[in-house]
PDB file of N, CA and C in Angstrom:
ATOM      1  N   MET A   1      51.703  26.756 -18.150  1.00  0.00           N
ATOM      2  CA  MET A   1      53.323  26.670 -18.381  1.00  0.00           C
ATOM      3  C   MET A   1      53.943  25.267 -17.833  1.00  0.00           C
ATOM      4  N   TRP A   2      54.652  24.796 -18.311  1.00  0.00           N
ATOM      5  CA  TRP A   2      54.910  23.161 -18.179  1.00  0.00           C
ATOM      6  C   TRP A   2      56.318  23.753 -17.457  1.00  0.00           C
ATOM      7  N   SER A   3      56.700  22.672 -16.757  1.00  0.00           N
ATOM      8  CA  SER A   3      58.031  22.817 -16.053  1.00  0.00           C
ATOM      9  C   SER A   3      58.913  21.768 -16.532  1.00  0.00           C
ATOM     10  N   VAL A   4      60.608  21.620 -16.128  1.00  0.00           N
ATOM     11  CA  VAL A   4      61.287  20.685 -16.157  1.00  0.00           C
ATOM     12  C   VAL A   4      61.915  19.929 -15.497  1.00  0.00           C
ATOM     13  N   VAL A   5      62.026  18.681 -14.736  1.00  0.00           N
ATOM     14  CA  VAL A   5      62.582  18.062 -13.611  1.00  0.00           C
ATOM     15  C   VAL A   5      63.274  16.848 -14.308  1.00  0.00           C
ATOM     16  N   TYR A   6      64.931  16.738 -13.974  1.00  0.00           N
ATOM     17  CA  TYR A   6      65.617  15.670 -13.784  1.00  0.00           C
ATOM     18  C   TYR A   6      66.613  15.688 -12.873  1.00  0.00           C
ATOM     19  N   ASP A   7      67.132  14.796 -13.029  1.00  0.00           N
ATOM     20  CA  ASP A   7      67.934  14.942 -11.271  1.00  0.00           C
ATOM     21  C   ASP A   7      69.755  15.096 -12.032  1.00  0.00           C
ATOM     22  N   ASP A   8      70.583  14.550 -11.506  1.00  0.00           N
ATOM     23  CA  ASP A   8      71.955  14.836 -11.543  1.00  0.00           C
ATOM     24  C   ASP A   8      72.686  14.376 -12.529  1.00  0.00           C
ATOM     25  N   ARG A   9      72.342  12.867 -12.944  1.00  0.00           N
ATOM     26  CA  ARG A   9      72.926  12.194 -13.899  1.00  0.00           C
ATOM     27  C   ARG A   9      72.672  12.741 -15.038  1.00  0.00           C
ATOM     28  N   PHE A  10      71.360  13.121 -15.503  1.00  0.00           N
ATOM     29  CA  PHE A  10      71.339  14.132 -16.514  1.00  0.00           C
ATOM     30  C   PHE A  10      71.392  15.163 -17.034  1.00  0.00           C
ATOM     31  N   GLU A  11      71.878  15.667 -15.804  1.00  0.00           N
ATOM     32  CA  GLU A  11      72.727  17.349 -15.311  1.00  0.00           C
ATOM     33  C   GLU A  11      74.209  17.087 -15.768  1.00  0.00           C
ATOM     34  N   LYS A  12      74.571  15.735 -15.256  1.00  0.00           N
ATOM     35  CA  LYS A  12      76.004  15.429 -15.983  1.00  0.00           C
ATOM     36  C   LYS A  12      76.169  15.276 -17.105  1.00  0.00           C
ATOM     37  N   TRP A  13      75.279  14.718 -18.019  1.00  0.00           N
ATOM     38  CA  TRP A  13      75.539  14.547 -19.117  1.00  0.00           C
ATOM     39  C   TRP A  13      74.912  15.400 -19.966  1.00  0.00           C
ATOM     40  N   LEU A  14      74.394  16.368 -19.557  1.00  0.00           N
ATOM     41  CA  LEU A  14      74.390  17.534 -20.738  1.00  0.00           C
ATOM     42  C   LEU A  14      75.443  18.490 -20.474  1.00  0.00           C
ATOM     43  N   ASP A  15      75.857  18.654 -19.498  1.00  0.00           N
ATOM     44  CA  ASP A  15      76.956  19.404 -19.499  1.00  0.00           C
ATOM     45  C   ASP A  15      78.124  18.843 -20.054  1.00  0.00           C
ATOM     46  N   GLU A  16      78.169  17.733 -20.069  1.00  0.00           N
ATOM     47  CA  GLU A  16      79.081  16.765 -21.167  1.00  0.00           C
ATOM     48  C   GLU A  16      79.282  16.702 -22.497  1.00  0.00           C
ATOM     49  N   MET A  17      78.039  17.879 -23.211  1.00  0.00           N
ATOM     50  CA  MET A  17      77.411  17.554 -24.432  1.00  0.00           C
ATOM     51  C   MET A  17      78.083  18.867 -24.849  1.00  0.00           C
ATOM     52  N   PRO A  18      78.571  18.457 -26.791  1.00  0.00           N
ATOM     53  CA  PRO A  18      79.380  19.710 -27.203  1.00  0.00           C
ATOM     54  C   PRO A  18      78.382  20.520 -27.061  1.00  0.00           C
ATOM     55  N   PRO A  19      78.768  21.989 -27.434  1.00  0.00           N
ATOM     56  CA  PRO A  19      77.630  23.331 -27.105  1.00  0.00           C
ATOM     57  C   PRO A  19      77.017  23.176 -28.085  1.00  0.00           C
ATOM     58  N   ASP A  20      77.181  22.500 -29.439  1.00  0.00           N
ATOM     59  CA  ASP A  20      76.065  22.572 -30.683  1.00  0.00           C
ATOM     60  C   ASP A  20      74.379  22.242 -30.097  1.00  0.00           C
ATOM     61  N   ILE A  21      75.091  20.828 -29.804  1.00  0.00           N
ATOM     62  CA  ILE A  21      74.148  19.761 -29.357  1.00  0.00           C
ATOM     63  C   ILE A  21      73.679  20.496 -28.172  1.00  0.00           C
ATOM     64  N   LYS A  22      74.028  20.604 -26.959  1.00  0.00           N
ATOM     65  CA  LYS A  22      73.654  21.277 -26.001  1.00  0.00           C
ATOM     66  C   LYS A  22      72.305  22.365 -26.481  1.00  0.00           C
ATOM     67  N   ALA A  23      72.662  23.410 -26.848  1.00  0.00           N
ATOM     68  CA  ALA A  23      71.831  24.125 -27.645  1.00  0.00           C
ATOM     69  C   ALA A  23      70.740  23.735 -28.429  1.00  0.00           C
ATOM     70  N   LYS A  24      70.977  22.535 -28.904  1.00  0.00           N
ATOM     71  CA  LYS A  24      69.800  22.306 -29.795  1.00  0.00           C
ATOM     72  C   LYS A  24      68.556  21.755 -28.758  1.00  0.00           C
ATOM     73  N   ILE A  25      69.268  20.723 -27.710  1.00  0.00           N
ATOM     74  CA  ILE A  25      68.482  20.183 -26.718  1.00  0.00           C
ATOM     75  C   ILE A  25      67.902  21.365 -25.438  1.00  0.00           C
ATOM     76  N   VAL A  26      68.580  22.237 -25.447  1.00  0.00           N
ATOM     77  CA  VAL A  26      67.808  23.387 -24.852  1.00  0.00           C
ATOM     78  C   VAL A  26      66.814  24.111 -25.715  1.00  0.00           C
ATOM     79  N   ARG A  27      66.924  23.933 -26.779  1.00  0.00           N
ATOM     80  CA  ARG A  27      66.166  25.331 -27.396  1.00  0.00           C
ATOM     81  C   ARG A  27      64.691  24.057 -27.633  1.00  0.00           C
ATOM     82  N   ILE A  28      64.888  22.893 -27.977  1.00  0.00           N
ATOM     83  CA  ILE A  28      63.705  21.919 -27.802  1.00  0.00           C
ATOM     84  C   ILE A  28      63.144  21.822 -27.101  1.00  0.00           C
ATOM     85  N   ILE A  29      63.674  21.903 -26.040  1.00  0.00           N
ATOM     86  CA  ILE A  29      62.954  21.696 -24.197  1.00  0.00           C
ATOM     87  C   ILE A  29      62.414  23.015 -23.770  1.00  0.00           C
ATOM     88  N   GLU A  30      63.523  23.932 -24.590  1.00  0.00           N
ATOM     89  CA  GLU A  30      61.905  25.297 -24.474  1.00  0.00           C
ATOM     90  C   GLU A  30      61.054  25.892 -25.405  1.00  0.00           C
ATOM     91  N   MET A  31      61.014  24.974 -26.468  1.00  0.00           N
ATOM     92  CA  MET A  31      59.636  25.045 -27.513  1.00  0.00           C
ATOM     93  C   MET A  31      58.513  24.097 -26.570  1.00  0.00           C
ATOM     94  N   ILE A  32      58.741  22.866 -25.726  1.00  0.00           N
ATOM     95  CA  ILE A  32      57.592  21.743 -25.167  1.00  0.00           C
ATOM     96  C   ILE A  32      57.038  22.356 -23.963  1.00  0.00           C
ATOM     97  N   THR A  33      58.319  23.353 -23.271  1.00  0.00           N
ATOM     98  CA  THR A  33      57.906  23.942 -22.204  1.00  0.00           C
ATOM     99  C   THR A  33      56.984  25.066 -22.353  1.00  0.00           C
ATOM    100  N   GLY A  34      57.106  26.007 -23.439  1.00  0.00           N
ATOM    101  CA  GLY A  34      56.261  26.841 -24.189  1.00  0.00           C
ATOM    102  C   GLY A  34      54.976  27.326 -24.568  1.00  0.00           C
ATOM    103  N   TYR A  35      55.206  25.470 -25.757  1.00  0.00           N
ATOM    104  CA  TYR A  35      53.848  25.410 -26.604  1.00  0.00           C
ATOM    105  C   TYR A  35      53.027  23.817 -25.984  1.00  0.00           C
ATOM    106  N   GLY A  36      53.698  23.189 -25.002  1.00  0.00           N
ATOM    107  CA  GLY A  36      53.461  22.336 -24.624  1.00  0.00           C
ATOM    108  C   GLY A  36      53.622  21.210 -25.597  1.00  0.00           C
ATOM    109  N   PRO A  37      53.722  19.809 -24.715  1.00  0.00           N
ATOM    110  CA  PRO A  37      53.936  18.899 -25.422  1.00  0.00           C
ATOM    111  C   PRO A  37      53.501  18.660 -26.358  1.00  0.00           C
ATOM    112  N   GLU A  38      52.202  18.495 -26.108  1.00  0.00           N
ATOM    113  CA  GLU A  38      51.316  17.650 -27.340  1.00  0.00           C
ATOM    114  C   GLU A  38      51.318  18.562 -29.027  1.00  0.00           C
ATOM    115  N   ASN A  39      52.145  20.104 -28.565  1.00  0.00           N
ATOM    116  CA  ASN A  39      51.895  20.570 -29.542  1.00  0.00           C
ATOM    117  C   ASN A  39      53.506  20.635 -30.141  1.00  0.00           C
ATOM    118  N   VAL A  40      54.551  19.679 -30.156  1.00  0.00           N
ATOM    119  CA  VAL A  40      55.517  19.759 -30.931  1.00  0.00           C
ATOM    120  C   VAL A  40      55.584  18.007 -31.523  1.00  0.00           C
ATOM    121  N   ARG A  41      56.155  18.016 -32.260  1.00  0.00           N
ATOM    122  CA  ARG A  41      56.292  17.377 -32.952  1.00  0.00           C
ATOM    123  C   ARG A  41      57.496  16.789 -33.491  1.00  0.00           C
ATOM    124  N   GLU A  42      57.597  15.637 -34.512  1.00  0.00           N
ATOM    125  CA  GLU A  42      58.390  15.307 -35.567  1.00  0.00           C
ATOM    126  C   GLU A  42      59.021  16.601 -36.146  1.00  0.00           C
ATOM    127  N   PRO A  43      60.306  16.898 -36.785  1.00  0.00           N
ATOM    128  CA  PRO A  43      61.672  16.086 -36.165  1.00  0.00           C
ATOM    129  C   PRO A  43      61.989  16.522 -34.892  1.00  0.00           C
ATOM    130  N   TYR A  44      61.409  17.438 -33.933  1.00  0.00           N
ATOM    131  CA  TYR A  44      61.880  17.514 -32.552  1.00  0.00           C
ATOM    132  C   TYR A  44      61.435  16.764 -32.048  1.00  0.00           C
ATOM    133  N   VAL A  45      60.355  15.930 -31.460  1.00  0.00           N
ATOM    134  CA  VAL A  45      60.337  14.882 -30.781  1.00  0.00           C
ATOM    135  C   VAL A  45      59.706  13.739 -31.617  1.00  0.00           C
ATOM    136  N   LYS A  46      59.662  12.710 -31.001  1.00  0.00           N
ATOM    137  CA  LYS A  46      59.115  11.411 -31.602  1.00  0.00           C
ATOM    138  C   LYS A  46      58.793  10.427 -30.145  1.00  0.00           C
ATOM    139  N   SER A  47      57.681  10.004 -30.131  1.00  0.00           N
ATOM    140  CA  SER A  47      57.004   9.308 -29.716  1.00  0.00           C
ATOM    141  C   SER A  47      57.637   7.890 -29.724  1.00  0.00           C
ATOM    142  N   ILE A  48      58.365   6.793 -28.280  1.00  0.00           N
ATOM    143  CA  ILE A  48      58.662   5.504 -28.533  1.00  0.00           C
ATOM    144  C   ILE A  48      57.815   4.303 -28.568  1.00  0.00           C
ATOM    145  N   ALA A  49      57.839   4.140 -29.570  1.00  0.00           N
ATOM    146  CA  ALA A  49      56.895   2.487 -30.199  1.00  0.00           C
ATOM    147  C   ALA A  49      57.208   1.786 -28.747  1.00  0.00           C
ATOM    148  N   GLY A  50      55.985   0.757 -28.663  1.00  0.00           N
ATOM    149  CA  GLY A  50      56.218   0.174 -27.387  1.00  0.00           C
ATOM    150  C   GLY A  50      56.206   0.515 -26.160  1.00  0.00           C
ATOM    151  N   HIS A  51      56.049   2.138 -25.886  1.00  0.00           N
ATOM    152  CA  HIS A  51      56.299   2.688 -24.550  1.00  0.00           C
ATOM    153  C   HIS A  51      55.243   3.948 -24.343  1.00  0.00           C
ATOM    154  N   LYS A  52      54.277   3.434 -24.278  1.00  0.00           N
ATOM    155  CA  LYS A  52      53.272   4.403 -24.162  1.00  0.00           C
ATOM    156  C   LYS A  52      53.453   5.858 -23.646  1.00  0.00           C
ATOM    157  N   LYS A  53      54.163   5.994 -22.350  1.00  0.00           N
ATOM    158  CA  LYS A  53      54.568   7.750 -22.318  1.00  0.00           C
ATOM    159  C   LYS A  53      55.490   8.472 -22.560  1.00  0.00           C
ATOM    160  N   LEU A  54      56.404   7.240 -22.911  1.00  0.00           N
ATOM    161  CA  LEU A  54      57.907   7.833 -23.527  1.00  0.00           C
ATOM    162  C   LEU A  54      58.127   8.425 -24.312  1.00  0.00           C
ATOM    163  N   PHE A  55      58.986   9.763 -24.662  1.00  0.00           N
ATOM    164  CA  PHE A  55      59.071  10.489 -25.737  1.00  0.00           C
ATOM    165  C   PHE A  55      60.644  10.544 -25.759  1.00  0.00           C
ATOM    166  N   GLU A  56      61.037  10.927 -26.810  1.00  0.00           N
ATOM    167  CA  GLU A  56      62.502  11.408 -27.267  1.00  0.00           C
ATOM    168  C   GLU A  56      62.333  12.649 -27.976  1.00  0.00           C
ATOM    169  N   ILE A  57      63.688  13.859 -27.007  1.00  0.00           N
ATOM    170  CA  ILE A  57      63.753  14.862 -28.050  1.00  0.00           C
ATOM    171  C   ILE A  57      65.028  14.443 -28.580  1.00  0.00           C
ATOM    172  N   ARG A  58      64.678  15.247 -30.150  1.00  0.00           N
ATOM    173  CA  ARG A  58      66.088  14.419 -31.347  1.00  0.00           C
ATOM    174  C   ARG A  58      66.742  16.001 -31.550  1.00  0.00           C
ATOM    175  N   ALA A  59      68.064  15.642 -31.269  1.00  0.00           N
ATOM    176  CA  ALA A  59      68.811  16.759 -31.396  1.00  0.00           C
ATOM    177  C   ALA A  59      70.155  16.386 -32.540  1.00  0.00           C
ATOM    178  N   LYS A  60      70.339  16.887 -33.458  1.00  0.00           N
ATOM    179  CA  LYS A  60      71.636  16.517 -34.085  1.00  0.00           C
ATOM    180  C   LYS A  60      72.317  18.021 -34.684  1.00  0.00           C
ATOM    181  N   GLY A  61      73.217  17.992 -34.596  1.00  0.00           N
ATOM    182  CA  GLY A  61      74.162  19.250 -34.469  1.00  0.00           C
ATOM    183  C   GLY A  61      75.845  18.619 -35.442  1.00  0.00           C
ATOM    184  N   LYS A  62      76.452  19.501 -35.738  1.00  0.00           N
ATOM    185  CA  LYS A  62      77.664  19.355 -36.214  1.00  0.00           C
ATOM    186  C   LYS A  62      78.707  17.933 -35.563  1.00  0.00           C
ATOM    187  N   SER A  63      78.466  18.173 -34.298  1.00  0.00           N
ATOM    188  CA  SER A  63      79.179  16.928 -33.589  1.00  0.00           C
ATOM    189  C   SER A  63      78.320  15.733 -33.171  1.00  0.00           C
ATOM    190  N   GLY A  64      77.575  15.856 -33.863  1.00  0.00           N
ATOM    191  CA  GLY A  64      76.442  14.288 -33.638  1.00  0.00           C
ATOM    192  C   GLY A  64      75.213  14.073 -33.891  1.00  0.00           C
ATOM    193  N   ILE A  65      74.462  13.251 -33.503  1.00  0.00           N
ATOM    194  CA  ILE A  65      72.937  13.509 -33.065  1.00  0.00           C
ATOM    195  C   ILE A  65      73.106  12.996 -31.413  1.00  0.00           C
ATOM    196  N   ALA A  66      72.083  13.422 -30.763  1.00  0.00           N
ATOM    197  CA  ALA A  66      71.830  12.944 -29.293  1.00  0.00           C
ATOM    198  C   ALA A  66      69.912  13.191 -29.211  1.00  0.00           C
ATOM    199  N   ARG A  67      69.903  12.302 -28.342  1.00  0.00           N
ATOM    200  CA  ARG A  67      68.604  11.901 -27.841  1.00  0.00           C
ATOM    201  C   ARG A  67      68.529  11.922 -26.308  1.00  0.00           C
ATOM    202  N   VAL A  68      67.139  12.167 -26.004  1.00  0.00           N
ATOM    203  CA  VAL A  68      66.946  12.740 -24.452  1.00  0.00           C
ATOM    204  C   VAL A  68      65.429  12.056 -24.425  1.00  0.00           C
ATOM    205  N   PHE A  69      65.605  10.989 -23.293  1.00  0.00           N
ATOM    206  CA  PHE A  69      64.116  10.358 -23.319  1.00  0.00           C
ATOM    207  C   PHE A  69      63.451  11.154 -22.310  1.00  0.00           C
ATOM    208  N   TYR A  70      62.369  11.233 -22.226  1.00  0.00           N
ATOM    209  CA  TYR A  70      61.338  12.005 -21.545  1.00  0.00           C
ATOM    210  C   TYR A  70      59.855  11.814 -21.605  1.00  0.00           C
ATOM    211  N   PHE A  71      59.139  12.361 -19.972  1.00  0.00           N
ATOM    212  CA  PHE A  71      57.981  11.789 -19.839  1.00  0.00           C
ATOM    213  C   PHE A  71      57.078  12.893 -19.509  1.00  0.00           C
ATOM    214  N   THR A  72      56.142  12.978 -19.707  1.00  0.00           N
ATOM    215  CA  THR A  72      55.078  14.051 -18.432  1.00  0.00           C
ATOM    216  C   THR A  72      54.406  13.575 -17.707  1.00  0.00           C
ATOM    217  N   PHE A  73      54.105  14.124 -16.440  1.00  0.00           N
ATOM    218  CA  PHE A  73      53.815  13.839 -15.039  1.00  0.00           C
ATOM    219  C   PHE A  73      53.195  14.786 -14.664  1.00  0.00           C
ATOM    220  N   THR A  74      52.147  14.030 -13.647  1.00  0.00           N
ATOM    221  CA  THR A  74      51.274  15.325 -13.055  1.00  0.00           C
ATOM    222  C   THR A  74      51.870  16.512 -12.585  1.00  0.00           C
ATOM    223  N   GLY A  75      50.750  17.702 -12.718  1.00  0.00           N
ATOM    224  CA  GLY A  75      51.120  18.923 -12.412  1.00  0.00           C
ATOM    225  C   GLY A  75      51.939  19.836 -13.499  1.00  0.00           C
ATOM    226  N   LYS A  76      52.081  19.247 -15.056  1.00  0.00           N
ATOM    227  CA  LYS A  76      52.362  19.938 -16.063  1.00  0.00           C
ATOM    228  C   LYS A  76      54.490  19.782 -16.068  1.00  0.00           C
ATOM    229  N   LYS A  77      54.437  18.623 -15.863  1.00  0.00           N
ATOM    230  CA  LYS A  77      56.415  18.648 -15.254  1.00  0.00           C
ATOM    231  C   LYS A  77      56.555  17.542 -16.671  1.00  0.00           C
ATOM    232  N   ILE A  78      57.750  17.943 -17.154  1.00  0.00           N
ATOM    233  CA  ILE A  78      58.215  17.452 -17.992  1.00  0.00           C
ATOM    234  C   ILE A  78      59.453  16.515 -17.599  1.00  0.00           C
ATOM    235  N   VAL A  79      59.631  15.415 -17.425  1.00  0.00           N
ATOM    236  CA  VAL A  79      60.538  14.881 -16.463  1.00  0.00           C
ATOM    237  C   VAL A  79      61.826  14.241 -17.950  1.00  0.00           C
ATOM    238  N   LEU A  80      62.679  15.206 -17.687  1.00  0.00           N
ATOM    239  CA  LEU A  80      64.131  13.866 -18.267  1.00  0.00           C
ATOM    240  C   LEU A  80      64.590  13.232 -17.862  1.00  0.00           C
ATOM    241  N   VAL A  81      64.652  12.249 -18.250  1.00  0.00           N
ATOM    242  CA  VAL A  81      65.497  10.742 -17.796  1.00  0.00           C
ATOM    243  C   VAL A  81      65.989  10.294 -17.870  1.00  0.00           C
ATOM    244  N   HIS A  82      66.941  10.637 -18.997  1.00  0.00           N
ATOM    245  CA  HIS A  82      68.027   9.395 -19.997  1.00  0.00           C
ATOM    246  C   HIS A  82      68.415  10.418 -21.255  1.00  0.00           C
ATOM    247  N   GLY A  83      70.068  10.465 -21.310  1.00  0.00           N
ATOM    248  CA  GLY A  83      70.175  10.954 -22.334  1.00  0.00           C
ATOM    249  C   GLY A  83      71.431  10.648 -23.056  1.00  0.00           C
ATOM    250  N   PHE A  84      71.631  10.320 -24.708  1.00  0.00           N
ATOM    251  CA  PHE A  84      72.799   9.347 -24.948  1.00  0.00           C
ATOM    252  C   PHE A  84      72.834  10.062 -26.568  1.00  0.00           C
ATOM    253  N   VAL A  85      74.154   9.517 -26.442  1.00  0.00           N
ATOM    254  CA  VAL A  85      74.501  10.044 -28.265  1.00  0.00           C
ATOM    255  C   VAL A  85      74.345   9.185 -28.711  1.00  0.00           C
ATOM    256  N   LYS A  86      73.535   9.465 -30.306  1.00  0.00           N
ATOM    257  CA  LYS A  86      73.525   8.041 -31.144  1.00  0.00           C
ATOM    258  C   LYS A  86      74.364   7.621 -31.774  1.00  0.00           C
ATOM    259  N   LYS A  87      74.586   6.730 -32.309  1.00  0.00           N
ATOM    260  CA  LYS A  87      76.024   6.158 -32.964  1.00  0.00           C
ATOM    261  C   LYS A  87      75.378   5.376 -34.463  1.00  0.00           C
ATOM    262  N   THR A  88      74.722   5.144 -33.652  1.00  0.00           N
ATOM    263  CA  THR A  88      73.646   4.104 -34.844  1.00  0.00           C
ATOM    264  C   THR A  88      72.320   4.218 -35.333  1.00  0.00           C
ATOM    265  N   SER A  89      71.840   3.876 -36.044  1.00  0.00           N
ATOM    266  CA  SER A  89      70.557   3.995 -36.579  1.00  0.00           C
ATOM    267  C   SER A  89      69.535   4.124 -36.024  1.00  0.00           C
ATOM    268  N   ARG A  90      69.598   2.874 -35.308  1.00  0.00           N
ATOM    269  CA  ARG A  90      68.579   2.343 -34.251  1.00  0.00           C
ATOM    270  C   ARG A  90      69.084   2.503 -32.857  1.00  0.00           C
ATOM    271  N   THR A  91      68.204   2.751 -31.966  1.00  0.00           N
ATOM    272  CA  THR A  91      68.336   3.619 -30.018  1.00  0.00           C
ATOM    273  C   THR A  91      68.907   2.193 -29.865  1.00  0.00           C
ATOM    274  N   PRO A  92      69.848   1.747 -29.314  1.00  0.00           N
ATOM    275  CA  PRO A  92      70.119   0.585 -28.532  1.00  0.00           C
ATOM    276  C   PRO A  92      69.496   0.503 -27.139  1.00  0.00           C
ATOM    277  N   LYS A  93      69.153  -1.131 -27.222  1.00  0.00           N
ATOM    278  CA  LYS A  93      68.124  -1.405 -26.177  1.00  0.00           C
ATOM    279  C   LYS A  93      68.669  -1.066 -24.766  1.00  0.00           C
ATOM    280  N   ARG A  94      70.176  -0.695 -24.809  1.00  0.00           N
ATOM    281  CA  ARG A  94      70.354  -0.526 -23.426  1.00  0.00           C
ATOM    282  C   ARG A  94      70.274   0.586 -23.015  1.00  0.00           C
ATOM    283  N   GLU A  95      70.169   1.568 -24.005  1.00  0.00           N
ATOM    284  CA  GLU A  95      69.251   2.607 -23.575  1.00  0.00           C
ATOM    285  C   GLU A  95      67.982   3.762 -23.261  1.00  0.00           C
ATOM    286  N   LEU A  96      67.842   2.356 -24.149  1.00  0.00           N
ATOM    287  CA  LEU A  96      66.053   2.377 -23.631  1.00  0.00           C
ATOM    288  C   LEU A  96      65.756   1.891 -22.409  1.00  0.00           C
ATOM    289  N   LYS A  97      66.379   0.703 -22.170  1.00  0.00           N
ATOM    290  CA  LYS A  97      66.248  -0.077 -21.259  1.00  0.00           C
ATOM    291  C   LYS A  97      66.559   1.266 -19.731  1.00  0.00           C
ATOM    292  N   THR A  98      67.707   2.294 -19.990  1.00  0.00           N
ATOM    293  CA  THR A  98      67.838   2.607 -18.789  1.00  0.00           C
ATOM    294  C   THR A  98      66.661   3.905 -18.566  1.00  0.00           C
ATOM    295  N   ALA A  99      66.430   4.458 -19.447  1.00  0.00           N
ATOM    296  CA  ALA A  99      64.983   5.441 -19.279  1.00  0.00           C
ATOM    297  C   ALA A  99      63.589   4.607 -18.978  1.00  0.00           C
ATOM    298  N   VAL A 100      63.289   3.335 -19.243  1.00  0.00           N
ATOM    299  CA  VAL A 100      62.508   3.236 -18.391  1.00  0.00           C
ATOM    300  C   VAL A 100      62.654   2.470 -17.492  1.00  0.00           C
ATOM    301  N   LYS A 101      63.643   2.346 -16.895  1.00  0.00           N
ATOM    302  CA  LYS A 101      64.009   1.981 -15.385  1.00  0.00           C
ATOM    303  C   LYS A 101      63.969   3.437 -14.561  1.00  0.00           C
ATOM    304  N   ARG A 102      64.219   4.541 -14.944  1.00  0.00           N
ATOM    305  CA  ARG A 102      64.254   5.333 -14.594  1.00  0.00           C
ATOM    306  C   ARG A 102      63.346   5.779 -14.350  1.00  0.00           C
ATOM    307  N   MET A 103      62.280   6.033 -15.383  1.00  0.00           N
ATOM    308  CA  MET A 103      60.795   6.374 -15.478  1.00  0.00           C
ATOM    309  C   MET A 103      60.395   5.765 -14.032  1.00  0.00           C
ATOM    310  N   LYS A 104      60.339   4.310 -14.146  1.00  0.00           N
ATOM    311  CA  LYS A 104      59.781   3.649 -13.040  1.00  0.00           C
ATOM    312  C   LYS A 104      59.974   4.282 -11.922  1.00  0.00           C
ATOM    313  N   GLU A 105      61.396   4.870 -11.767  1.00  0.00           N
ATOM    314  CA  GLU A 105      62.376   5.003 -10.490  1.00  0.00           C
ATOM    315  C   GLU A 105      61.072   6.382 -10.279  1.00  0.00           C
ATOM    316  N   VAL A 106      60.841   7.284 -11.234  1.00  0.00           N
ATOM    317  CA  VAL A 106      60.496   8.116 -10.415  1.00  0.00           C
ATOM    318  C   VAL A 106      58.795   8.045 -10.333  1.00  0.00           C
ATOM    319  N   PHE A 107      57.720   6.820 -10.963  1.00  0.00           N
ATOM    320  CA  PHE A 107      56.698   6.626 -11.053  1.00  0.00           C
ATOM    321  C   PHE A 107      56.340   5.975  -8.886  1.00  0.00           C
ATOM    322  N   HIS A 108      57.571   4.941  -9.058  1.00  0.00           N
ATOM    323  CA  HIS A 108      57.264   4.268  -8.100  1.00  0.00           C
ATOM    324  C   HIS A 108      58.169   5.086  -6.423  1.00  0.00           C
ATOM    325  N   GLY A 109      58.751   5.662  -6.611  1.00  0.00           N
ATOM    326  CA  GLY A 109      60.110   6.255  -5.930  1.00  0.00           C
ATOM    327  C   GLY A 109      61.105   5.770  -5.197  1.00  0.00           C
TER     328      GLY A 109
END
């Protein structure tokens, strides 16, 4: 069984999400931990092109669209590093940069 790891920044962001989007994110996380990340695919998750280990959870609700960046880590851990509300068709570089920075924080302390 996979476990989920995240920090206060992510928890605060998730708490501020509208209930419908928050429920979708939690449901997809449960799918990933229950079935394993290799068994959950689009439309729920997608790999990030150009970033070998980084993936995104894709949640859509009446309130909008949200994305959560994550990666897998030693010991069957899913590390949730950054979430944002999507307002355009492309993922803003700023959001991706934040996710990559936080991923490096985990790897390098």
